[in-house]
Amino acid sequence: MDLLCAPQYIDQIKEDARFEKLCSDSVFASNVAYVNSNCNASKLCNLYTELNGDKNDVSQCLSVIQHLDSLAHNIEWANSILSVQPQLSYVLQQLVDNGYSEYWDNTIYPRLKSHIDNYDLNQDLLNAANNSLNDFFLPDSLPDIQSKIFILDIKNAFNLSDESFCCTPLILDHEIEKQLRLSFMNIYIHENLHNLYLSPELMTKLRELDNDAFYRDKEDIAQRHSEGRNEAFIVAAEVYISNKLGLRDNQSVYDEFSQYVDGSLVLAPIIYVYLSDRNHNESYNDFLLRLFDKGILKTGIIEANYNNAMNTILSQSNK
């Protein structure tokens, strides 16, 4: 998948001697610019995932990109990528022809593996996180199959449609972790929470909130970031567990809700402040349904309840 991200991070590649001539070629540069003006790495990787492309096969990656017009013609959100398919195919083929596979094997992979191998994972914290996840899933159980976390040669992070996660190796640097709102453990908890059961009934009630103007405006922002819908349920749960584990203090809780995806997941803080009222042995799905049934998550009052929740969290952070 690093190859799919390469156009967006072409400045990192042009520093390598084998790509110096290619990156100075005006035709190649103009194609890269055109691709990046119409699609980004996260959407491209998500499309490749949705088409079941092998994440470790360069040949299949090129083949999928070359045949996007037939493979993805019925995926509406992929229109912007389809519009630059010829340019994208050209750019990726040129990178491979100029030694991208060898560059990845000999330069990128050793660097990423070093980040992974040198990350000092606190085993006690990992055990505590797993125990917290198991408790949160009750009365259901945490599935044996866990979401995957891919470390890519990028500077940001994004989810994939198969509930796996791609992120920068910077997240594996403890000093840089301290400067961010999240850590590798936050991501680990978040991705496992995507295995929570969310019923069709719950998702129907969520869609009904589209009639709330405040929620709809924020949801539009979230979906432009390829987020939204059930993501607020997951973020609320992750922040709650991370706060209990001491991974987030109250200020971090407030910052996460106000900054993540431009603060557009407005249901998350509402859910968060009510999570302490979740009944013993009540599934998360049933708890969320109860919030809808009690009118806490209801069309017409989302903005008021969001503001009340954020004020409550802010007051806790000031103590």
Protein backbone atom coordinates (compact mmCIF):
# COMPACT_ATOMS: atom_id res chain seq x y z
CA MET A 1 0.00 0.00 0.00
CA ASP A 2 2.98 2.32 0.31
CA LEU A 3 3.01 2.47 -3.49
CA LEU A 4 -0.57 3.82 -3.49
CA CYS A 5 0.48 6.51 -1.02
CA ALA A 6 3.60 7.42 -3.01
CA PRO A 7 2.08 10.20 -5.20
CA GLN A 8 0.95 12.13 -2.12
CA TYR A 9 4.39 11.74 -0.54
CA ILE A 10 6.48 12.15 -3.67
CA ASP A 11 8.84 14.58 -1.89
CA GLN A 12 10.11 11.66 0.20
CA ILE A 13 10.87 9.63 -2.92
CA LYS A 14 12.64 12.32 -4.93
CA GLU A 15 15.40 12.33 -2.32
CA ASP A 16 16.46 8.87 -3.53
CA ALA A 17 18.94 8.88 -6.42
CA ARG A 18 17.08 6.27 -8.44
CA PHE A 19 14.05 8.59 -8.73
CA GLU A 20 15.94 11.86 -9.24
CA LYS A 21 15.65 11.86 -13.03
CA LEU A 22 12.02 10.72 -12.97
CA CYS A 23 10.92 13.37 -10.48
CA SER A 24 12.61 16.09 -12.53
CA ASP A 25 10.60 15.06 -15.59
CA SER A 26 7.90 17.66 -16.19
CA VAL A 27 5.41 15.13 -17.60
CA PHE A 28 5.73 12.90 -14.55
CA ALA A 29 5.51 15.88 -12.19
CA SER A 30 2.38 17.23 -13.87
CA ASN A 31 0.70 13.83 -13.66
CA VAL A 32 1.53 13.57 -9.96
CA ALA A 33 0.07 17.03 -9.36
CA TYR A 34 -3.08 16.15 -11.28
CA VAL A 35 -3.55 12.93 -9.31
CA ASN A 36 -3.07 14.68 -5.97
CA SER A 37 -5.57 17.40 -6.87
CA ASN A 38 -8.32 14.80 -7.29
CA CYS A 39 -7.65 12.02 -4.79
CA ASN A 40 -5.68 11.33 -1.63
CA ALA A 41 -3.86 8.34 -0.21
CA SER A 42 -6.59 7.33 2.24
CA LYS A 43 -9.34 7.22 -0.40
CA LEU A 44 -7.10 5.38 -2.82
CA CYS A 45 -6.13 2.76 -0.23
CA ASN A 46 -9.77 2.39 0.77
CA LEU A 47 -10.79 1.82 -2.82
CA TYR A 48 -8.06 -0.79 -3.27
CA THR A 49 -9.22 -2.50 -0.07
CA GLU A 50 -12.86 -2.46 -1.18
CA LEU A 51 -11.80 -4.11 -4.43
CA ASN A 52 -10.01 -6.82 -2.38
CA GLY A 53 -6.59 -5.97 -3.76
CA ASP A 54 -3.62 -7.82 -2.28
CA LYS A 55 -1.85 -5.30 -0.03
CA ASN A 56 1.52 -7.02 -0.57
CA ASP A 57 1.51 -7.58 -4.34
CA VAL A 58 2.84 -4.77 -6.55
CA SER A 59 1.77 -6.51 -9.76
CA GLN A 60 -1.82 -6.85 -8.56
CA CYS A 61 -1.79 -3.25 -7.38
CA LEU A 62 -0.85 -2.05 -10.85
CA SER A 63 -3.39 -4.35 -12.48
CA VAL A 64 -6.22 -3.08 -10.25
CA ILE A 65 -5.33 0.54 -10.97
CA GLN A 66 -5.12 -0.12 -14.70
CA HIS A 67 -8.61 -1.64 -14.69
CA LEU A 68 -10.35 0.72 -12.28
CA ASP A 69 -12.79 1.81 -14.97
CA SER A 70 -14.35 -1.66 -14.98
CA LEU A 71 -13.71 -2.69 -11.36
CA ALA A 72 -15.00 0.45 -9.63
CA HIS A 73 -17.48 1.96 -12.09
CA ASN A 74 -20.40 1.34 -9.70
CA ILE A 75 -18.72 2.87 -6.60
CA GLU A 76 -20.06 6.42 -6.51
CA TRP A 77 -17.58 7.84 -4.02
CA ALA A 78 -14.71 6.66 -6.27
CA ASN A 79 -15.61 9.01 -9.14
CA SER A 80 -12.81 11.46 -8.37
CA ILE A 81 -10.25 8.63 -8.48
CA LEU A 82 -11.71 7.21 -11.68
CA SER A 83 -11.37 10.66 -13.26
CA VAL A 84 -7.58 10.45 -12.88
CA GLN A 85 -7.16 6.73 -13.55
CA PRO A 86 -4.93 7.21 -16.64
CA GLN A 87 -2.64 9.63 -14.80
CA LEU A 88 -2.58 7.46 -11.67
CA SER A 89 -1.77 4.36 -13.70
CA TYR A 90 1.05 6.23 -15.45
CA VAL A 91 2.56 7.53 -12.21
CA LEU A 92 2.53 4.18 -10.41
CA GLN A 93 3.87 2.31 -13.45
CA GLN A 94 6.72 4.82 -13.77
CA LEU A 95 7.60 4.41 -10.10
CA VAL A 96 7.70 0.62 -10.41
CA ASP A 97 9.68 0.78 -13.67
CA ASN A 98 12.24 3.00 -11.96
CA GLY A 99 12.85 0.59 -9.09
CA TYR A 100 10.13 1.22 -6.52
CA SER A 101 10.03 -2.43 -5.42
CA GLU A 102 13.77 -2.44 -4.69
CA TYR A 103 13.42 0.96 -3.00
CA TRP A 104 10.71 -0.46 -0.73
CA ASP A 105 12.64 -3.67 0.04
CA ASN A 106 15.95 -1.97 0.75
CA THR A 107 14.98 1.46 2.08
CA ILE A 108 11.40 1.72 3.31
CA TYR A 109 10.88 -1.75 4.81
CA PRO A 110 14.05 -1.78 6.96
CA ARG A 111 13.15 1.67 8.33
CA LEU A 112 9.56 0.69 9.14
CA LYS A 113 10.64 -2.64 10.64
CA SER A 114 13.14 -0.80 12.83
CA HIS A 115 10.37 1.44 14.17
CA ILE A 116 8.22 -1.60 14.93
CA ASP A 117 11.00 -3.71 16.45
CA ASN A 118 12.24 -0.86 18.65
CA TYR A 119 8.82 0.11 19.99
CA ASP A 120 8.81 -0.64 23.71
CA LEU A 121 5.31 -2.00 24.28
CA ASN A 122 4.32 -1.96 27.93
CA GLN A 123 3.06 -5.49 28.48
CA ASP A 124 1.20 -4.59 31.67
CA LEU A 125 -0.60 -1.79 29.85
CA LEU A 126 -1.42 -4.10 26.95
CA ASN A 127 -2.87 -6.65 29.38
CA ALA A 128 -4.89 -3.92 31.08
CA ALA A 129 -6.19 -2.71 27.72
CA ASN A 130 -7.22 -6.23 26.74
CA ASN A 131 -8.99 -6.71 30.07
CA SER A 132 -10.80 -3.39 29.60
CA LEU A 133 -11.84 -4.36 26.09
CA ASN A 134 -13.12 -7.73 27.26
CA ASP A 135 -15.15 -6.01 29.99
CA PHE A 136 -16.52 -3.42 27.55
CA PHE A 137 -17.68 -6.15 25.14
CA LEU A 138 -19.70 -7.93 27.84
CA PRO A 139 -22.10 -9.68 27.69
CA ASP A 140 -20.64 -10.39 24.25
CA SER A 141 -17.03 -11.45 23.79
CA LEU A 142 -14.12 -9.85 22.01
CA PRO A 143 -13.59 -11.72 18.69
CA ASP A 144 -10.43 -13.75 18.27
CA ILE A 145 -9.80 -11.99 14.94
CA GLN A 146 -8.47 -8.52 15.66
CA SER A 147 -8.30 -5.51 13.37
CA LYS A 148 -4.93 -5.05 11.70
CA ILE A 149 -2.72 -1.99 12.10
CA PHE A 150 -0.49 -1.22 9.10
CA ILE A 151 2.58 0.97 9.56
CA LEU A 152 3.07 2.86 6.28
CA ASP A 153 5.64 5.36 5.09
CA ILE A 154 3.22 8.27 5.58
CA LYS A 155 2.90 11.22 7.95
CA ASN A 156 -0.71 10.77 9.03
CA ALA A 157 -3.23 8.01 9.73
CA PHE A 158 -6.49 6.71 8.29
CA ASN A 159 -8.97 3.86 8.58
CA LEU A 160 -9.65 1.33 5.86
CA SER A 161 -13.08 0.01 4.99
CA ASP A 162 -12.19 -3.47 6.29
CA GLU A 163 -11.75 -1.94 9.77
CA SER A 164 -7.96 -2.09 9.61
CA PHE A 165 -5.89 1.01 10.21
CA CYS A 166 -2.94 2.64 8.48
CA CYS A 167 -0.68 4.97 10.38
CA THR A 168 2.63 6.74 10.39
CA PRO A 169 5.67 5.17 12.07
CA LEU A 170 5.87 8.39 14.10
CA ILE A 171 3.18 6.91 16.35
CA LEU A 172 5.77 4.34 17.44
CA ASP A 173 8.07 7.05 18.84
CA HIS A 174 7.32 7.60 22.53
CA GLU A 175 8.62 11.17 22.45
CA ILE A 176 6.40 12.07 19.50
CA GLU A 177 3.48 10.21 21.11
CA LYS A 178 3.65 12.70 23.96
CA GLN A 179 3.06 15.55 21.51
CA LEU A 180 -0.03 13.94 19.96
CA ARG A 181 -3.60 13.42 21.18
CA LEU A 182 -3.26 9.67 20.79
CA SER A 183 -0.79 6.84 21.08
CA PHE A 184 -0.35 3.42 19.57
CA MET A 185 -2.39 2.03 22.47
CA ASN A 186 -5.26 4.43 21.72
CA ILE A 187 -5.24 3.15 18.14
CA TYR A 188 -5.07 -0.46 19.31
CA ILE A 189 -8.13 0.04 21.51
CA HIS A 190 -10.00 1.98 18.81
CA GLU A 191 -9.48 -0.63 16.12
CA ASN A 192 -10.55 -3.51 18.35
CA LEU A 193 -13.73 -1.61 19.22
CA HIS A 194 -14.74 -1.73 15.55
CA ASN A 195 -15.61 -5.38 16.26
CA LEU A 196 -18.49 -4.31 18.51
CA TYR A 197 -21.89 -5.50 17.34
CA LEU A 198 -24.10 -2.65 16.10
CA SER A 199 -27.58 -3.82 15.16
CA PRO A 200 -29.56 -2.84 12.05
CA GLU A 201 -32.10 -1.25 14.41
CA LEU A 202 -29.42 0.97 15.89
CA MET A 203 -28.11 2.02 12.48
CA THR A 204 -31.66 2.87 11.37
CA LYS A 205 -32.09 5.14 14.39
CA LEU A 206 -28.73 6.73 13.59
CA ARG A 207 -29.79 7.50 10.03
CA GLU A 208 -32.95 9.16 11.34
CA LEU A 209 -30.74 11.82 12.92
CA ASP A 210 -30.07 13.12 9.40
CA ASN A 211 -33.23 15.17 10.01
CA ASP A 212 -31.35 17.13 12.68
CA ALA A 213 -29.74 20.10 10.91
CA PHE A 214 -26.82 20.44 13.36
CA TYR A 215 -25.98 16.75 13.20
CA ARG A 216 -26.33 16.65 9.42
CA ASP A 217 -23.96 19.58 8.92
CA LYS A 218 -21.34 17.92 11.13
CA GLU A 219 -21.91 14.52 9.54
CA ASP A 220 -21.23 16.02 6.11
CA ILE A 221 -17.85 17.22 7.40
CA ALA A 222 -17.08 13.80 8.87
CA GLN A 223 -17.92 12.02 5.65
CA ARG A 224 -15.69 14.34 3.66
CA HIS A 225 -12.92 12.92 5.87
CA SER A 226 -14.17 9.38 5.06
CA GLU A 227 -15.48 9.12 8.62
CA GLY A 228 -18.93 9.54 10.16
CA ARG A 229 -21.89 7.25 10.83
CA ASN A 230 -20.93 4.67 13.48
CA GLU A 231 -17.47 6.22 13.99
CA ALA A 232 -18.84 8.40 16.81
CA PHE A 233 -19.86 5.23 18.69
CA ILE A 234 -16.31 3.89 18.43
CA VAL A 235 -14.59 7.15 19.34
CA ALA A 236 -16.77 7.59 22.43
CA ALA A 237 -15.91 4.06 23.59
CA GLU A 238 -12.17 4.43 22.91
CA VAL A 239 -11.93 7.73 24.77
CA TYR A 240 -13.89 6.28 27.70
CA ILE A 241 -11.63 3.21 27.99
CA SER A 242 -8.45 5.25 27.45
CA ASN A 243 -9.49 7.68 30.18
CA LYS A 244 -10.13 4.80 32.59
CA LEU A 245 -6.69 3.36 31.81
CA GLY A 246 -4.97 6.72 32.32
CA LEU A 247 -3.99 6.99 28.65
CA ARG A 248 -6.03 10.18 28.38
CA ASP A 249 -6.53 12.82 31.04
CA ASN A 250 -9.67 14.96 31.04
CA GLN A 251 -8.02 17.65 28.91
CA SER A 252 -7.09 15.03 26.31
CA VAL A 253 -10.71 13.84 26.31
CA TYR A 254 -11.93 17.36 25.59
CA ASP A 255 -9.26 17.94 22.92
CA GLU A 256 -10.07 14.67 21.16
CA PHE A 257 -13.77 15.46 20.86
CA SER A 258 -13.17 19.04 19.77
CA GLN A 259 -10.38 18.31 17.26
CA TYR A 260 -10.76 14.79 15.84
CA VAL A 261 -12.17 15.00 12.28
CA ASP A 262 -12.58 18.76 12.86
CA GLY A 263 -14.80 18.08 15.88
CA SER A 264 -17.55 16.73 13.64
CA LEU A 265 -18.40 13.53 15.57
CA VAL A 266 -20.87 15.37 17.78
CA LEU A 267 -22.55 12.25 19.15
CA ALA A 268 -19.29 11.02 20.71
CA PRO A 269 -19.12 13.41 23.71
CA ILE A 270 -22.84 12.92 24.41
CA ILE A 271 -22.36 9.16 24.54
CA TYR A 272 -19.17 9.53 26.57
CA VAL A 273 -20.77 11.45 29.44
CA TYR A 274 -23.55 8.86 29.73
CA LEU A 275 -21.31 5.78 29.56
CA SER A 276 -20.92 5.69 33.33
CA ASP A 277 -24.70 5.01 33.44
CA ARG A 278 -24.41 1.88 31.32
CA ASN A 279 -26.10 -0.98 33.16
CA HIS A 280 -24.22 -4.05 34.31
CA ASN A 281 -24.32 -6.74 31.63
CA GLU A 282 -25.92 -4.31 29.13
CA SER A 283 -24.35 -4.60 25.70
CA TYR A 284 -22.97 -1.44 24.13
CA ASN A 285 -25.53 -1.81 21.35
CA ASP A 286 -28.40 -1.93 23.86
CA PHE A 287 -26.94 1.00 25.80
CA LEU A 288 -26.88 3.11 22.63
CA LEU A 289 -30.44 2.06 21.78
CA ARG A 290 -31.46 3.19 25.28
CA LEU A 291 -29.96 6.63 24.65
CA PHE A 292 -32.13 6.89 21.55
CA ASP A 293 -35.22 5.58 23.35
CA LYS A 294 -34.75 8.04 26.24
CA GLY A 295 -34.51 10.94 23.80
CA ILE A 296 -30.89 11.76 24.60
CA LEU A 297 -29.98 11.12 20.98
CA LYS A 298 -32.96 12.71 19.28
CA THR A 299 -33.59 14.93 16.31
CA GLY A 300 -33.86 18.56 17.35
CA ILE A 301 -31.76 18.44 20.51
CA ILE A 302 -28.38 17.14 19.35
CA GLU A 303 -26.75 20.60 19.40
CA ALA A 304 -27.99 21.36 22.92
CA ASN A 305 -26.92 17.96 24.26
CA TYR A 306 -23.55 18.24 22.49
CA ASN A 307 -22.88 21.65 24.08
CA ASN A 308 -23.94 20.35 27.51
CA ALA A 309 -21.66 17.32 27.16
CA MET A 310 -18.67 19.39 26.05
CA ASN A 311 -19.21 21.84 28.91
CA THR A 312 -19.32 18.95 31.36
CA ILE A 313 -16.07 17.51 29.99
CA LEU A 314 -14.43 20.97 30.01
CA SER A 315 -15.37 21.50 33.66
CA GLN A 316 -13.79 18.14 34.51
CA SER A 317 -10.59 19.10 32.70
CA ASN A 318 -10.36 22.34 34.72
CA LYS A 319 -10.43 20.53 38.08
